[in-house]
Amino acid sequence: MMSNTARIGDIIHLNVGGKRFSTSRQTLTWVPDSFFSSLLSGRISTLKDETGAIFIDRDPSLFATILNFLRTKELHPRSINVHMLMHEAEFYGITPLVRKLQLCDELDRSSCGNVLFNGYLPPPG
């Protein structure tokens, strides 16, 4: 029978560029072969801060967006720098986020952008 109590180690404490984040192991590891699945499996050595949190020397503001994506699988690109976030997503190996960001970038660079076209068709006759 499964227990509903969280096991020690299921909540992961991170220190990203001096800012503290806490999340679940499941949130960090649902993307296979990512930085986090390698980190938490022991394939990458960890550096811990004075509180025992795993230290990652990266930009905490970009990390907050990445963590929200890992939690919700959603992206709200209006408030972000797509290129900077894509660089971070590639570093962390978050392939689904990289793909979404590439799509956002292609839409931004396409000749019609986000323009909505209204067409008029004459009635058949």
PDB file of N, CA and C in Angstrom:
ATOM      1  N   MET A   1       0.839  -1.179   0.000  1.00  0.00           N
ATOM      2  CA  MET A   1       0.000   0.000   0.000  1.00  0.00           C
ATOM      3  C   MET A   1       0.889   1.249   0.000  1.00  0.00           C
ATOM      4  N   MET A   2       0.552   2.228  -0.847  1.00  0.00           N
ATOM      5  CA  MET A   2       1.358   3.439  -0.968  1.00  0.00           C
ATOM      6  C   MET A   2       1.070   4.394   0.184  1.00  0.00           C
ATOM      7  N   SER A   3       2.104   5.017   0.688  1.00  0.00           N
ATOM      8  CA  SER A   3       1.955   6.009   1.748  1.00  0.00           C
ATOM      9  C   SER A   3       1.804   7.385   1.129  1.00  0.00           C
ATOM     10  N   ASN A   4       0.979   8.239   1.718  1.00  0.00           N
ATOM     11  CA  ASN A   4       0.787   9.593   1.206  1.00  0.00           C
ATOM     12  C   ASN A   4       1.829  10.571   1.737  1.00  0.00           C
ATOM     13  N   THR A   5       2.660  10.151   2.673  1.00  0.00           N
ATOM     14  CA  THR A   5       3.661  11.061   3.230  1.00  0.00           C
ATOM     15  C   THR A   5       4.847  11.180   2.278  1.00  0.00           C
ATOM     16  N   ALA A   6       5.369  12.372   2.184  1.00  0.00           N
ATOM     17  CA  ALA A   6       6.525  12.619   1.311  1.00  0.00           C
ATOM     18  C   ALA A   6       7.779  12.023   1.943  1.00  0.00           C
ATOM     19  N   ARG A   7       8.583  11.403   1.120  1.00  0.00           N
ATOM     20  CA  ARG A   7       9.853  10.857   1.595  1.00  0.00           C
ATOM     21  C   ARG A   7      10.889  11.963   1.650  1.00  0.00           C
ATOM     22  N   ILE A   8      11.856  11.804   2.538  1.00  0.00           N
ATOM     23  CA  ILE A   8      12.976  12.740   2.578  1.00  0.00           C
ATOM     24  C   ILE A   8      13.644  12.683   1.204  1.00  0.00           C
ATOM     25  N   GLY A   9      13.925  13.836   0.645  1.00  0.00           N
ATOM     26  CA  GLY A   9      14.549  13.871  -0.681  1.00  0.00           C
ATOM     27  C   GLY A   9      13.565  14.125  -1.798  1.00  0.00           C
ATOM     28  N   ASP A  10      12.249  14.055  -1.506  1.00  0.00           N
ATOM     29  CA  ASP A  10      11.260  14.346  -2.540  1.00  0.00           C
ATOM     30  C   ASP A  10      11.135  15.845  -2.778  1.00  0.00           C
ATOM     31  N   ILE A  11      11.435  16.654  -1.762  1.00  0.00           N
ATOM     32  CA  ILE A  11      11.455  18.102  -1.924  1.00  0.00           C
ATOM     33  C   ILE A  11      12.909  18.513  -2.121  1.00  0.00           C
ATOM     34  N   ILE A  12      13.168  19.212  -3.210  1.00  0.00           N
ATOM     35  CA  ILE A  12      14.526  19.593  -3.577  1.00  0.00           C
ATOM     36  C   ILE A  12      14.683  21.096  -3.348  1.00  0.00           C
ATOM     37  N   HIS A  13      15.725  21.459  -2.625  1.00  0.00           N
ATOM     38  CA  HIS A  13      16.036  22.867  -2.373  1.00  0.00           C
ATOM     39  C   HIS A  13      17.213  23.267  -3.265  1.00  0.00           C
ATOM     40  N   LEU A  14      17.006  24.340  -4.016  1.00  0.00           N
ATOM     41  CA  LEU A  14      18.024  24.826  -4.946  1.00  0.00           C
ATOM     42  C   LEU A  14      18.395  26.262  -4.592  1.00  0.00           C
ATOM     43  N   ASN A  15      19.642  26.585  -4.819  1.00  0.00           N
ATOM     44  CA  ASN A  15      20.135  27.957  -4.711  1.00  0.00           C
ATOM     45  C   ASN A  15      20.658  28.297  -6.103  1.00  0.00           C
ATOM     46  N   VAL A  16      19.881  29.076  -6.844  1.00  0.00           N
ATOM     47  CA  VAL A  16      20.265  29.431  -8.213  1.00  0.00           C
ATOM     48  C   VAL A  16      20.714  30.882  -8.207  1.00  0.00           C
ATOM     49  N   GLY A  17      22.003  31.095  -8.375  1.00  0.00           N
ATOM     50  CA  GLY A  17      22.561  32.443  -8.416  1.00  0.00           C
ATOM     51  C   GLY A  17      22.280  33.251  -7.162  1.00  0.00           C
ATOM     52  N   GLY A  18      22.148  32.575  -6.019  1.00  0.00           N
ATOM     53  CA  GLY A  18      21.909  33.253  -4.752  1.00  0.00           C
ATOM     54  C   GLY A  18      20.446  33.324  -4.338  1.00  0.00           C
ATOM     55  N   LYS A  19      19.527  32.881  -5.200  1.00  0.00           N
ATOM     56  CA  LYS A  19      18.094  32.891  -4.861  1.00  0.00           C
ATOM     57  C   LYS A  19      17.623  31.465  -4.595  1.00  0.00           C
ATOM     58  N   ARG A  20      16.850  31.296  -3.512  1.00  0.00           N
ATOM     59  CA  ARG A  20      16.381  29.971  -3.093  1.00  0.00           C
ATOM     60  C   ARG A  20      15.111  29.566  -3.842  1.00  0.00           C
ATOM     61  N   PHE A  21      15.060  28.311  -4.254  1.00  0.00           N
ATOM     62  CA  PHE A  21      13.881  27.713  -4.868  1.00  0.00           C
ATOM     63  C   PHE A  21      13.663  26.356  -4.216  1.00  0.00           C
ATOM     64  N   SER A  22      12.422  25.989  -4.021  1.00  0.00           N
ATOM     65  CA  SER A  22      12.084  24.652  -3.541  1.00  0.00           C
ATOM     66  C   SER A  22      11.044  24.077  -4.475  1.00  0.00           C
ATOM     67  N   THR A  23      11.220  22.813  -4.811  1.00  0.00           N
ATOM     68  CA  THR A  23      10.287  22.148  -5.713  1.00  0.00           C
ATOM     69  C   THR A  23      10.353  20.652  -5.465  1.00  0.00           C
ATOM     70  N   SER A  24       9.575  19.904  -6.200  1.00  0.00           N
ATOM     71  CA  SER A  24       9.569  18.454  -6.011  1.00  0.00           C
ATOM     72  C   SER A  24      10.546  17.783  -6.978  1.00  0.00           C
ATOM     73  N   ARG A  25      11.010  16.626  -6.567  1.00  0.00           N
ATOM     74  CA  ARG A  25      11.870  15.804  -7.434  1.00  0.00           C
ATOM     75  C   ARG A  25      11.140  15.502  -8.745  1.00  0.00           C
ATOM     76  N   GLN A  26       9.852  15.216  -8.657  1.00  0.00           N
ATOM     77  CA  GLN A  26       9.061  14.878  -9.843  1.00  0.00           C
ATOM     78  C   GLN A  26       9.022  16.041 -10.835  1.00  0.00           C
ATOM     79  N   THR A  27       8.855  17.267 -10.336  1.00  0.00           N
ATOM     80  CA  THR A  27       8.834  18.447 -11.204  1.00  0.00           C
ATOM     81  C   THR A  27      10.151  18.586 -11.966  1.00  0.00           C
ATOM     82  N   LEU A  28      11.255  18.377 -11.266  1.00  0.00           N
ATOM     83  CA  LEU A  28      12.572  18.570 -11.891  1.00  0.00           C
ATOM     84  C   LEU A  28      12.956  17.455 -12.850  1.00  0.00           C
ATOM     85  N   THR A  29      12.373  16.278 -12.705  1.00  0.00           N
ATOM     86  CA  THR A  29      12.886  15.125 -13.464  1.00  0.00           C
ATOM     87  C   THR A  29      11.926  14.556 -14.505  1.00  0.00           C
ATOM     88  N   TRP A  30      10.807  15.225 -14.797  1.00  0.00           N
ATOM     89  CA  TRP A  30       9.902  14.642 -15.793  1.00  0.00           C
ATOM     90  C   TRP A  30      10.461  14.703 -17.203  1.00  0.00           C
ATOM     91  N   VAL A  31      11.421  15.574 -17.457  1.00  0.00           N
ATOM     92  CA  VAL A  31      12.083  15.604 -18.769  1.00  0.00           C
ATOM     93  C   VAL A  31      13.277  14.660 -18.696  1.00  0.00           C
ATOM     94  N   PRO A  32      13.258  13.557 -19.460  1.00  0.00           N
ATOM     95  CA  PRO A  32      14.377  12.608 -19.392  1.00  0.00           C
ATOM     96  C   PRO A  32      15.673  13.216 -19.931  1.00  0.00           C
ATOM     97  N   ASP A  33      16.784  12.777 -19.376  1.00  0.00           N
ATOM     98  CA  ASP A  33      18.123  13.185 -19.824  1.00  0.00           C
ATOM     99  C   ASP A  33      18.366  14.686 -19.700  1.00  0.00           C
ATOM    100  N   SER A  34      17.683  15.329 -18.777  1.00  0.00           N
ATOM    101  CA  SER A  34      17.929  16.760 -18.554  1.00  0.00           C
ATOM    102  C   SER A  34      19.037  16.933 -17.524  1.00  0.00           C
ATOM    103  N   PHE A  35      19.474  18.167 -17.363  1.00  0.00           N
ATOM    104  CA  PHE A  35      20.463  18.515 -16.340  1.00  0.00           C
ATOM    105  C   PHE A  35      19.992  18.023 -14.973  1.00  0.00           C
ATOM    106  N   PHE A  36      18.696  18.237 -14.685  1.00  0.00           N
ATOM    107  CA  PHE A  36      18.180  17.899 -13.351  1.00  0.00           C
ATOM    108  C   PHE A  36      18.090  16.403 -13.112  1.00  0.00           C
ATOM    109  N   SER A  37      17.678  15.629 -14.118  1.00  0.00           N
ATOM    110  CA  SER A  37      17.636  14.183 -13.915  1.00  0.00           C
ATOM    111  C   SER A  37      19.051  13.636 -13.727  1.00  0.00           C
ATOM    112  N   SER A  38      20.021  14.204 -14.438  1.00  0.00           N
ATOM    113  CA  SER A  38      21.421  13.801 -14.249  1.00  0.00           C
ATOM    114  C   SER A  38      21.933  14.234 -12.878  1.00  0.00           C
ATOM    115  N   LEU A  39      21.583  15.447 -12.467  1.00  0.00           N
ATOM    116  CA  LEU A  39      22.017  15.982 -11.182  1.00  0.00           C
ATOM    117  C   LEU A  39      21.476  15.144 -10.024  1.00  0.00           C
ATOM    118  N   LEU A  40      20.190  14.839 -10.076  1.00  0.00           N
ATOM    119  CA  LEU A  40      19.555  14.143  -8.957  1.00  0.00           C
ATOM    120  C   LEU A  40      19.822  12.642  -8.961  1.00  0.00           C
ATOM    121  N   SER A  41      20.310  12.112 -10.087  1.00  0.00           N
ATOM    122  CA  SER A  41      20.676  10.691 -10.120  1.00  0.00           C
ATOM    123  C   SER A  41      22.124  10.475  -9.701  1.00  0.00           C
ATOM    124  N   GLY A  42      22.873  11.599  -9.550  1.00  0.00           N
ATOM    125  CA  GLY A  42      24.273  11.496  -9.153  1.00  0.00           C
ATOM    126  C   GLY A  42      25.250  11.461 -10.306  1.00  0.00           C
ATOM    127  N   ARG A  43      24.752  11.539 -11.556  1.00  0.00           N
ATOM    128  CA  ARG A  43      25.664  11.532 -12.716  1.00  0.00           C
ATOM    129  C   ARG A  43      26.451  12.827 -12.819  1.00  0.00           C
ATOM    130  N   ILE A  44      25.908  13.915 -12.244  1.00  0.00           N
ATOM    131  CA  ILE A  44      26.617  15.197 -12.184  1.00  0.00           C
ATOM    132  C   ILE A  44      26.851  15.479 -10.710  1.00  0.00           C
ATOM    133  N   SER A  45      28.072  15.870 -10.369  1.00  0.00           N
ATOM    134  CA  SER A  45      28.340  16.166  -8.957  1.00  0.00           C
ATOM    135  C   SER A  45      27.669  17.481  -8.572  1.00  0.00           C
ATOM    136  N   THR A  46      27.274  17.570  -7.310  1.00  0.00           N
ATOM    137  CA  THR A  46      26.572  18.763  -6.844  1.00  0.00           C
ATOM    138  C   THR A  46      27.454  19.567  -5.910  1.00  0.00           C
ATOM    139  N   LEU A  47      27.239  20.865  -5.946  1.00  0.00           N
ATOM    140  CA  LEU A  47      27.871  21.786  -5.021  1.00  0.00           C
ATOM    141  C   LEU A  47      26.746  22.287  -4.130  1.00  0.00           C
ATOM    142  N   LYS A  48      26.914  22.203  -2.802  1.00  0.00           N
ATOM    143  CA  LYS A  48      25.856  22.614  -1.888  1.00  0.00           C
ATOM    144  C   LYS A  48      26.250  23.895  -1.158  1.00  0.00           C
ATOM    145  N   ASP A  49      25.233  24.721  -0.875  1.00  0.00           N
ATOM    146  CA  ASP A  49      25.502  25.940  -0.112  1.00  0.00           C
ATOM    147  C   ASP A  49      25.485  25.626   1.382  1.00  0.00           C
ATOM    148  N   GLU A  50      25.587  26.680   2.201  1.00  0.00           N
ATOM    149  CA  GLU A  50      25.698  26.483   3.652  1.00  0.00           C
ATOM    150  C   GLU A  50      24.438  25.878   4.271  1.00  0.00           C
ATOM    151  N   THR A  51      23.287  25.932   3.557  1.00  0.00           N
ATOM    152  CA  THR A  51      22.048  25.357   4.090  1.00  0.00           C
ATOM    153  C   THR A  51      21.793  23.944   3.574  1.00  0.00           C
ATOM    154  N   GLY A  52      22.646  23.475   2.677  1.00  0.00           N
ATOM    155  CA  GLY A  52      22.465  22.146   2.097  1.00  0.00           C
ATOM    156  C   GLY A  52      21.727  22.168   0.764  1.00  0.00           C
ATOM    157  N   ALA A  53      21.322  23.362   0.309  1.00  0.00           N
ATOM    158  CA  ALA A  53      20.650  23.469  -0.990  1.00  0.00           C
ATOM    159  C   ALA A  53      21.670  23.257  -2.111  1.00  0.00           C
ATOM    160  N   ILE A  54      21.218  22.669  -3.210  1.00  0.00           N
ATOM    161  CA  ILE A  54      22.088  22.462  -4.370  1.00  0.00           C
ATOM    162  C   ILE A  54      22.321  23.817  -5.034  1.00  0.00           C
ATOM    163  N   PHE A  55      23.605  24.193  -5.169  1.00  0.00           N
ATOM    164  CA  PHE A  55      23.950  25.478  -5.763  1.00  0.00           C
ATOM    165  C   PHE A  55      24.140  25.338  -7.265  1.00  0.00           C
ATOM    166  N   ILE A  56      23.468  26.215  -8.018  1.00  0.00           N
ATOM    167  CA  ILE A  56      23.598  26.273  -9.474  1.00  0.00           C
ATOM    168  C   ILE A  56      23.922  27.720  -9.826  1.00  0.00           C
ATOM    169  N   ASP A  57      25.064  27.930 -10.444  1.00  0.00           N
ATOM    170  CA  ASP A  57      25.544  29.278 -10.739  1.00  0.00           C
ATOM    171  C   ASP A  57      24.969  29.770 -12.065  1.00  0.00           C
ATOM    172  N   ARG A  58      23.666  30.059 -12.068  1.00  0.00           N
ATOM    173  CA  ARG A  58      22.969  30.552 -13.259  1.00  0.00           C
ATOM    174  C   ARG A  58      22.050  31.698 -12.864  1.00  0.00           C
ATOM    175  N   ASP A  59      21.413  32.317 -13.849  1.00  0.00           N
ATOM    176  CA  ASP A  59      20.538  33.472 -13.643  1.00  0.00           C
ATOM    177  C   ASP A  59      19.225  33.041 -12.969  1.00  0.00           C
ATOM    178  N   PRO A  60      18.948  33.550 -11.764  1.00  0.00           N
ATOM    179  CA  PRO A  60      17.735  33.124 -11.063  1.00  0.00           C
ATOM    180  C   PRO A  60      16.437  33.609 -11.716  1.00  0.00           C
ATOM    181  N   SER A  61      16.446  34.763 -12.397  1.00  0.00           N
ATOM    182  CA  SER A  61      15.198  35.242 -13.004  1.00  0.00           C
ATOM    183  C   SER A  61      14.801  34.358 -14.183  1.00  0.00           C
ATOM    184  N   LEU A  62      15.774  33.915 -14.966  1.00  0.00           N
ATOM    185  CA  LEU A  62      15.477  32.998 -16.071  1.00  0.00           C
ATOM    186  C   LEU A  62      15.095  31.626 -15.522  1.00  0.00           C
ATOM    187  N   PHE A  63      15.750  31.215 -14.435  1.00  0.00           N
ATOM    188  CA  PHE A  63      15.438  29.918 -13.846  1.00  0.00           C
ATOM    189  C   PHE A  63      13.993  29.868 -13.353  1.00  0.00           C
ATOM    190  N   ALA A  64      13.485  30.984 -12.813  1.00  0.00           N
ATOM    191  CA  ALA A  64      12.102  31.016 -12.318  1.00  0.00           C
ATOM    192  C   ALA A  64      11.131  30.669 -13.450  1.00  0.00           C
ATOM    193  N   THR A  65      11.375  31.194 -14.650  1.00  0.00           N
ATOM    194  CA  THR A  65      10.521  30.891 -15.805  1.00  0.00           C
ATOM    195  C   THR A  65      10.646  29.424 -16.191  1.00  0.00           C
ATOM    196  N   ILE A  66      11.862  28.889 -16.149  1.00  0.00           N
ATOM    197  CA  ILE A  66      12.081  27.481 -16.485  1.00  0.00           C
ATOM    198  C   ILE A  66      11.379  26.583 -15.464  1.00  0.00           C
ATOM    199  N   LEU A  67      11.494  26.913 -14.183  1.00  0.00           N
ATOM    200  CA  LEU A  67      10.840  26.116 -13.145  1.00  0.00           C
ATOM    201  C   LEU A  67       9.321  26.164 -13.310  1.00  0.00           C
ATOM    202  N   ASN A  68       8.779  27.327 -13.636  1.00  0.00           N
ATOM    203  CA  ASN A  68       7.331  27.409 -13.877  1.00  0.00           C
ATOM    204  C   ASN A  68       6.917  26.548 -15.061  1.00  0.00           C
ATOM    205  N   PHE A  69       7.750  26.498 -16.105  1.00  0.00           N
ATOM    206  CA  PHE A  69       7.446  25.617 -17.234  1.00  0.00           C
ATOM    207  C   PHE A  69       7.459  24.155 -16.789  1.00  0.00           C
ATOM    208  N   LEU A  70       8.448  23.776 -15.973  1.00  0.00           N
ATOM    209  CA  LEU A  70       8.515  22.392 -15.502  1.00  0.00           C
ATOM    210  C   LEU A  70       7.298  22.043 -14.636  1.00  0.00           C
ATOM    211  N   ARG A  71       6.781  23.024 -13.926  1.00  0.00           N
ATOM    212  CA  ARG A  71       5.609  22.795 -13.073  1.00  0.00           C
ATOM    213  C   ARG A  71       4.313  22.706 -13.884  1.00  0.00           C
ATOM    214  N   THR A  72       4.144  23.595 -14.872  1.00  0.00           N
ATOM    215  CA  THR A  72       2.853  23.723 -15.551  1.00  0.00           C
ATOM    216  C   THR A  72       2.849  23.237 -16.997  1.00  0.00           C
ATOM    217  N   LYS A  73       4.029  23.067 -17.576  1.00  0.00           N
ATOM    218  CA  LYS A  73       4.192  22.727 -18.995  1.00  0.00           C
ATOM    219  C   LYS A  73       3.630  23.823 -19.899  1.00  0.00           C
ATOM    220  N   GLU A  74       3.538  25.040 -19.352  1.00  0.00           N
ATOM    221  CA  GLU A  74       3.050  26.187 -20.119  1.00  0.00           C
ATOM    222  C   GLU A  74       4.122  27.261 -20.183  1.00  0.00           C
ATOM    223  N   LEU A  75       4.041  28.079 -21.226  1.00  0.00           N
ATOM    224  CA  LEU A  75       5.004  29.160 -21.433  1.00  0.00           C
ATOM    225  C   LEU A  75       4.235  30.417 -21.791  1.00  0.00           C
ATOM    226  N   HIS A  76       4.599  31.516 -21.159  1.00  0.00           N
ATOM    227  CA  HIS A  76       3.977  32.807 -21.455  1.00  0.00           C
ATOM    228  C   HIS A  76       5.074  33.734 -21.981  1.00  0.00           C
ATOM    229  N   PRO A  77       5.329  33.705 -23.302  1.00  0.00           N
ATOM    230  CA  PRO A  77       6.522  34.346 -23.864  1.00  0.00           C
ATOM    231  C   PRO A  77       6.489  35.861 -23.913  1.00  0.00           C
ATOM    232  N   ARG A  78       5.373  36.519 -23.641  1.00  0.00           N
ATOM    233  CA  ARG A  78       5.327  37.979 -23.776  1.00  0.00           C
ATOM    234  C   ARG A  78       6.311  38.685 -22.850  1.00  0.00           C
ATOM    235  N   SER A  79       6.540  38.115 -21.685  1.00  0.00           N
ATOM    236  CA  SER A  79       7.349  38.823 -20.685  1.00  0.00           C
ATOM    237  C   SER A  79       8.799  38.337 -20.621  1.00  0.00           C
ATOM    238  N   ILE A  80       9.245  37.594 -21.639  1.00  0.00           N
ATOM    239  CA  ILE A  80      10.595  37.023 -21.573  1.00  0.00           C
ATOM    240  C   ILE A  80      11.418  37.377 -22.797  1.00  0.00           C
ATOM    241  N   ASN A  81      12.728  37.277 -22.632  1.00  0.00           N
ATOM    242  CA  ASN A  81      13.655  37.368 -23.757  1.00  0.00           C
ATOM    243  C   ASN A  81      13.828  35.936 -24.282  1.00  0.00           C
ATOM    244  N   VAL A  82      13.244  35.660 -25.439  1.00  0.00           N
ATOM    245  CA  VAL A  82      13.211  34.298 -25.973  1.00  0.00           C
ATOM    246  C   VAL A  82      14.616  33.725 -26.155  1.00  0.00           C
ATOM    247  N   HIS A  83      15.556  34.538 -26.664  1.00  0.00           N
ATOM    248  CA  HIS A  83      16.901  34.027 -26.932  1.00  0.00           C
ATOM    249  C   HIS A  83      17.647  33.672 -25.639  1.00  0.00           C
ATOM    250  N   MET A  84      17.527  34.534 -24.623  1.00  0.00           N
ATOM    251  CA  MET A  84      18.200  34.244 -23.352  1.00  0.00           C
ATOM    252  C   MET A  84      17.597  33.006 -22.693  1.00  0.00           C
ATOM    253  N   LEU A  85      16.262  32.903 -22.731  1.00  0.00           N
ATOM    254  CA  LEU A  85      15.607  31.748 -22.123  1.00  0.00           C
ATOM    255  C   LEU A  85      15.944  30.466 -22.883  1.00  0.00           C
ATOM    256  N   MET A  86      16.034  30.555 -24.207  1.00  0.00           N
ATOM    257  CA  MET A  86      16.391  29.371 -25.002  1.00  0.00           C
ATOM    258  C   MET A  86      17.793  28.887 -24.637  1.00  0.00           C
ATOM    259  N   HIS A  87      18.715  29.831 -24.440  1.00  0.00           N
ATOM    260  CA  HIS A  87      20.078  29.476 -24.042  1.00  0.00           C
ATOM    261  C   HIS A  87      20.054  28.712 -22.713  1.00  0.00           C
ATOM    262  N   GLU A  88      19.290  29.204 -21.749  1.00  0.00           N
ATOM    263  CA  GLU A  88      19.196  28.540 -20.444  1.00  0.00           C
ATOM    264  C   GLU A  88      18.499  27.181 -20.566  1.00  0.00           C
ATOM    265  N   ALA A  89      17.421  27.123 -21.350  1.00  0.00           N
ATOM    266  CA  ALA A  89      16.696  25.863 -21.530  1.00  0.00           C
ATOM    267  C   ALA A  89      17.601  24.812 -22.175  1.00  0.00           C
ATOM    268  N   GLU A  90      18.448  25.233 -23.112  1.00  0.00           N
ATOM    269  CA  GLU A  90      19.411  24.311 -23.721  1.00  0.00           C
ATOM    270  C   GLU A  90      20.434  23.852 -22.693  1.00  0.00           C
ATOM    271  N   PHE A  91      20.919  24.769 -21.844  1.00  0.00           N
ATOM    272  CA  PHE A  91      21.863  24.401 -20.786  1.00  0.00           C
ATOM    273  C   PHE A  91      21.265  23.332 -19.878  1.00  0.00           C
ATOM    274  N   TYR A  92      20.014  23.523 -19.482  1.00  0.00           N
ATOM    275  CA  TYR A  92      19.360  22.572 -18.572  1.00  0.00           C
ATOM    276  C   TYR A  92      18.842  21.334 -19.284  1.00  0.00           C
ATOM    277  N   GLY A  93      18.858  21.320 -20.614  1.00  0.00           N
ATOM    278  CA  GLY A  93      18.404  20.150 -21.370  1.00  0.00           C
ATOM    279  C   GLY A  93      16.902  19.952 -21.323  1.00  0.00           C
ATOM    280  N   ILE A  94      16.146  21.043 -21.266  1.00  0.00           N
ATOM    281  CA  ILE A  94      14.689  20.961 -21.213  1.00  0.00           C
ATOM    282  C   ILE A  94      14.164  21.033 -22.652  1.00  0.00           C
ATOM    283  N   THR A  95      14.243  19.895 -23.349  1.00  0.00           N
ATOM    284  CA  THR A  95      13.930  19.825 -24.776  1.00  0.00           C
ATOM    285  C   THR A  95      12.531  20.335 -25.116  1.00  0.00           C
ATOM    286  N   PRO A  96      11.469  19.979 -24.361  1.00  0.00           N
ATOM    287  CA  PRO A  96      10.139  20.500 -24.727  1.00  0.00           C
ATOM    288  C   PRO A  96      10.084  22.033 -24.674  1.00  0.00           C
ATOM    289  N   LEU A  97      10.789  22.649 -23.751  1.00  0.00           N
ATOM    290  CA  LEU A  97      10.814  24.108 -23.657  1.00  0.00           C
ATOM    291  C   LEU A  97      11.620  24.704 -24.811  1.00  0.00           C
ATOM    292  N   VAL A  98      12.730  24.078 -25.160  1.00  0.00           N
ATOM    293  CA  VAL A  98      13.540  24.563 -26.296  1.00  0.00           C
ATOM    294  C   VAL A  98      12.684  24.562 -27.556  1.00  0.00           C
ATOM    295  N   ARG A  99      11.914  23.493 -27.764  1.00  0.00           N
ATOM    296  CA  ARG A  99      11.063  23.412 -28.969  1.00  0.00           C
ATOM    297  C   ARG A  99      10.018  24.524 -28.981  1.00  0.00           C
ATOM    298  N   LYS A 100       9.383  24.781 -27.831  1.00  0.00           N
ATOM    299  CA  LYS A 100       8.379  25.850 -27.757  1.00  0.00           C
ATOM    300  C   LYS A 100       9.022  27.210 -28.042  1.00  0.00           C
ATOM    301  N   LEU A 101      10.210  27.434 -27.494  1.00  0.00           N
ATOM    302  CA  LEU A 101      10.886  28.707 -27.703  1.00  0.00           C
ATOM    303  C   LEU A 101      11.305  28.885 -29.156  1.00  0.00           C
ATOM    304  N   GLN A 102      11.722  27.793 -29.809  1.00  0.00           N
ATOM    305  CA  GLN A 102      12.080  27.881 -31.224  1.00  0.00           C
ATOM    306  C   GLN A 102      10.858  28.256 -32.049  1.00  0.00           C
ATOM    307  N   LEU A 103       9.701  27.712 -31.681  1.00  0.00           N
ATOM    308  CA  LEU A 103       8.467  28.041 -32.376  1.00  0.00           C
ATOM    309  C   LEU A 103       8.116  29.517 -32.168  1.00  0.00           C
ATOM    310  N   CYS A 104       8.246  30.015 -30.932  1.00  0.00           N
ATOM    311  CA  CYS A 104       8.004  31.444 -30.651  1.00  0.00           C
ATOM    312  C   CYS A 104       8.932  32.311 -31.491  1.00  0.00           C
ATOM    313  N   ASP A 105      10.194  31.915 -31.561  1.00  0.00           N
ATOM    314  CA  ASP A 105      11.186  32.688 -32.304  1.00  0.00           C
ATOM    315  C   ASP A 105      10.841  32.708 -33.790  1.00  0.00           C
ATOM    316  N   GLU A 106      10.407  31.555 -34.339  1.00  0.00           N
ATOM    317  CA  GLU A 106      10.033  31.496 -35.753  1.00  0.00           C
ATOM    318  C   GLU A 106       8.830  32.378 -36.029  1.00  0.00           C
ATOM    319  N   LEU A 107       7.853  32.394 -35.111  1.00  0.00           N
ATOM    320  CA  LEU A 107       6.685  33.257 -35.285  1.00  0.00           C
ATOM    321  C   LEU A 107       7.081  34.723 -35.275  1.00  0.00           C
ATOM    322  N   ASP A 108       7.995  35.080 -34.369  1.00  0.00           N
ATOM    323  CA  ASP A 108       8.450  36.472 -34.288  1.00  0.00           C
ATOM    324  C   ASP A 108       9.165  36.913 -35.562  1.00  0.00           C
ATOM    325  N   ARG A 109       9.910  35.986 -36.172  1.00  0.00           N
ATOM    326  CA  ARG A 109      10.715  36.351 -37.334  1.00  0.00           C
ATOM    327  C   ARG A 109       9.981  36.166 -38.656  1.00  0.00           C
ATOM    328  N   SER A 110       8.826  35.497 -38.639  1.00  0.00           N
ATOM    329  CA  SER A 110       8.110  35.278 -39.898  1.00  0.00           C
ATOM    330  C   SER A 110       7.598  36.614 -40.435  1.00  0.00           C
ATOM    331  N   SER A 111       7.395  36.675 -41.725  1.00  0.00           N
ATOM    332  CA  SER A 111       7.036  37.949 -42.351  1.00  0.00           C
ATOM    333  C   SER A 111       5.679  38.460 -41.884  1.00  0.00           C
ATOM    334  N   CYS A 112       4.780  37.568 -41.501  1.00  0.00           N
ATOM    335  CA  CYS A 112       3.466  38.051 -41.080  1.00  0.00           C
ATOM    336  C   CYS A 112       3.360  38.161 -39.562  1.00  0.00           C
ATOM    337  N   GLY A 113       4.309  37.646 -38.827  1.00  0.00           N
ATOM    338  CA  GLY A 113       4.301  37.789 -37.372  1.00  0.00           C
ATOM    339  C   GLY A 113       3.033  37.270 -36.752  1.00  0.00           C
ATOM    340  N   ASN A 114       2.438  38.060 -35.864  1.00  0.00           N
ATOM    341  CA  ASN A 114       1.218  37.658 -35.179  1.00  0.00           C
ATOM    342  C   ASN A 114      -0.016  38.337 -35.768  1.00  0.00           C
ATOM    343  N   VAL A 115       0.072  38.715 -37.019  1.00  0.00           N
ATOM    344  CA  VAL A 115      -1.038  39.425 -37.660  1.00  0.00           C
ATOM    345  C   VAL A 115      -2.164  38.436 -37.936  1.00  0.00           C
ATOM    346  N   LEU A 116      -3.378  38.866 -37.642  1.00  0.00           N
ATOM    347  CA  LEU A 116      -4.553  38.059 -37.940  1.00  0.00           C
ATOM    348  C   LEU A 116      -5.137  38.551 -39.257  1.00  0.00           C
ATOM    349  N   PHE A 117      -5.292  37.656 -40.213  1.00  0.00           N
ATOM    350  CA  PHE A 117      -5.819  38.042 -41.517  1.00  0.00           C
ATOM    351  C   PHE A 117      -7.310  37.771 -41.573  1.00  0.00           C
ATOM    352  N   ASN A 118      -8.055  38.747 -42.083  1.00  0.00           N
ATOM    353  CA  ASN A 118      -9.488  38.585 -42.331  1.00  0.00           C
ATOM    354  C   ASN A 118      -9.676  38.568 -43.822  1.00  0.00           C
ATOM    355  N   GLY A 119     -10.322  37.557 -44.306  1.00  0.00           N
ATOM    356  CA  GLY A 119     -10.542  37.456 -45.748  1.00  0.00           C
ATOM    357  C   GLY A 119     -12.005  37.593 -46.080  1.00  0.00           C
ATOM    358  N   TYR A 120     -12.273  37.939 -47.317  1.00  0.00           N
ATOM    359  CA  TYR A 120     -13.638  38.061 -47.782  1.00  0.00           C
ATOM    360  C   TYR A 120     -13.805  37.163 -48.986  1.00  0.00           C
ATOM    361  N   LEU A 121     -14.780  36.271 -48.906  1.00  0.00           N
ATOM    362  CA  LEU A 121     -15.102  35.418 -50.042  1.00  0.00           C
ATOM    363  C   LEU A 121     -16.483  35.814 -50.552  1.00  0.00           C
ATOM    364  N   PRO A 122     -16.600  36.021 -51.840  1.00  0.00           N
ATOM    365  CA  PRO A 122     -17.944  36.343 -52.352  1.00  0.00           C
ATOM    366  C   PRO A 122     -18.850  35.123 -52.201  1.00  0.00           C
ATOM    367  N   PRO A 123     -20.129  35.340 -52.004  1.00  0.00           N
ATOM    368  CA  PRO A 123     -21.041  34.194 -51.883  1.00  0.00           C
ATOM    369  C   PRO A 123     -21.048  33.388 -53.172  1.00  0.00           C
ATOM    370  N   PRO A 124     -21.255  32.071 -53.050  1.00  0.00           N
ATOM    371  CA  PRO A 124     -21.278  31.237 -54.269  1.00  0.00           C
ATOM    372  C   PRO A 124     -22.442  31.663 -55.162  1.00  0.00           C
ATOM    373  N   GLY A 125     -22.222  31.561 -56.434  1.00  0.00           N
ATOM    374  CA  GLY A 125     -23.347  31.935 -57.215  1.00  0.00           C
ATOM    375  C   GLY A 125     -23.107  32.057 -58.622  1.00  0.00           C
TER     376      GLY A 125
END
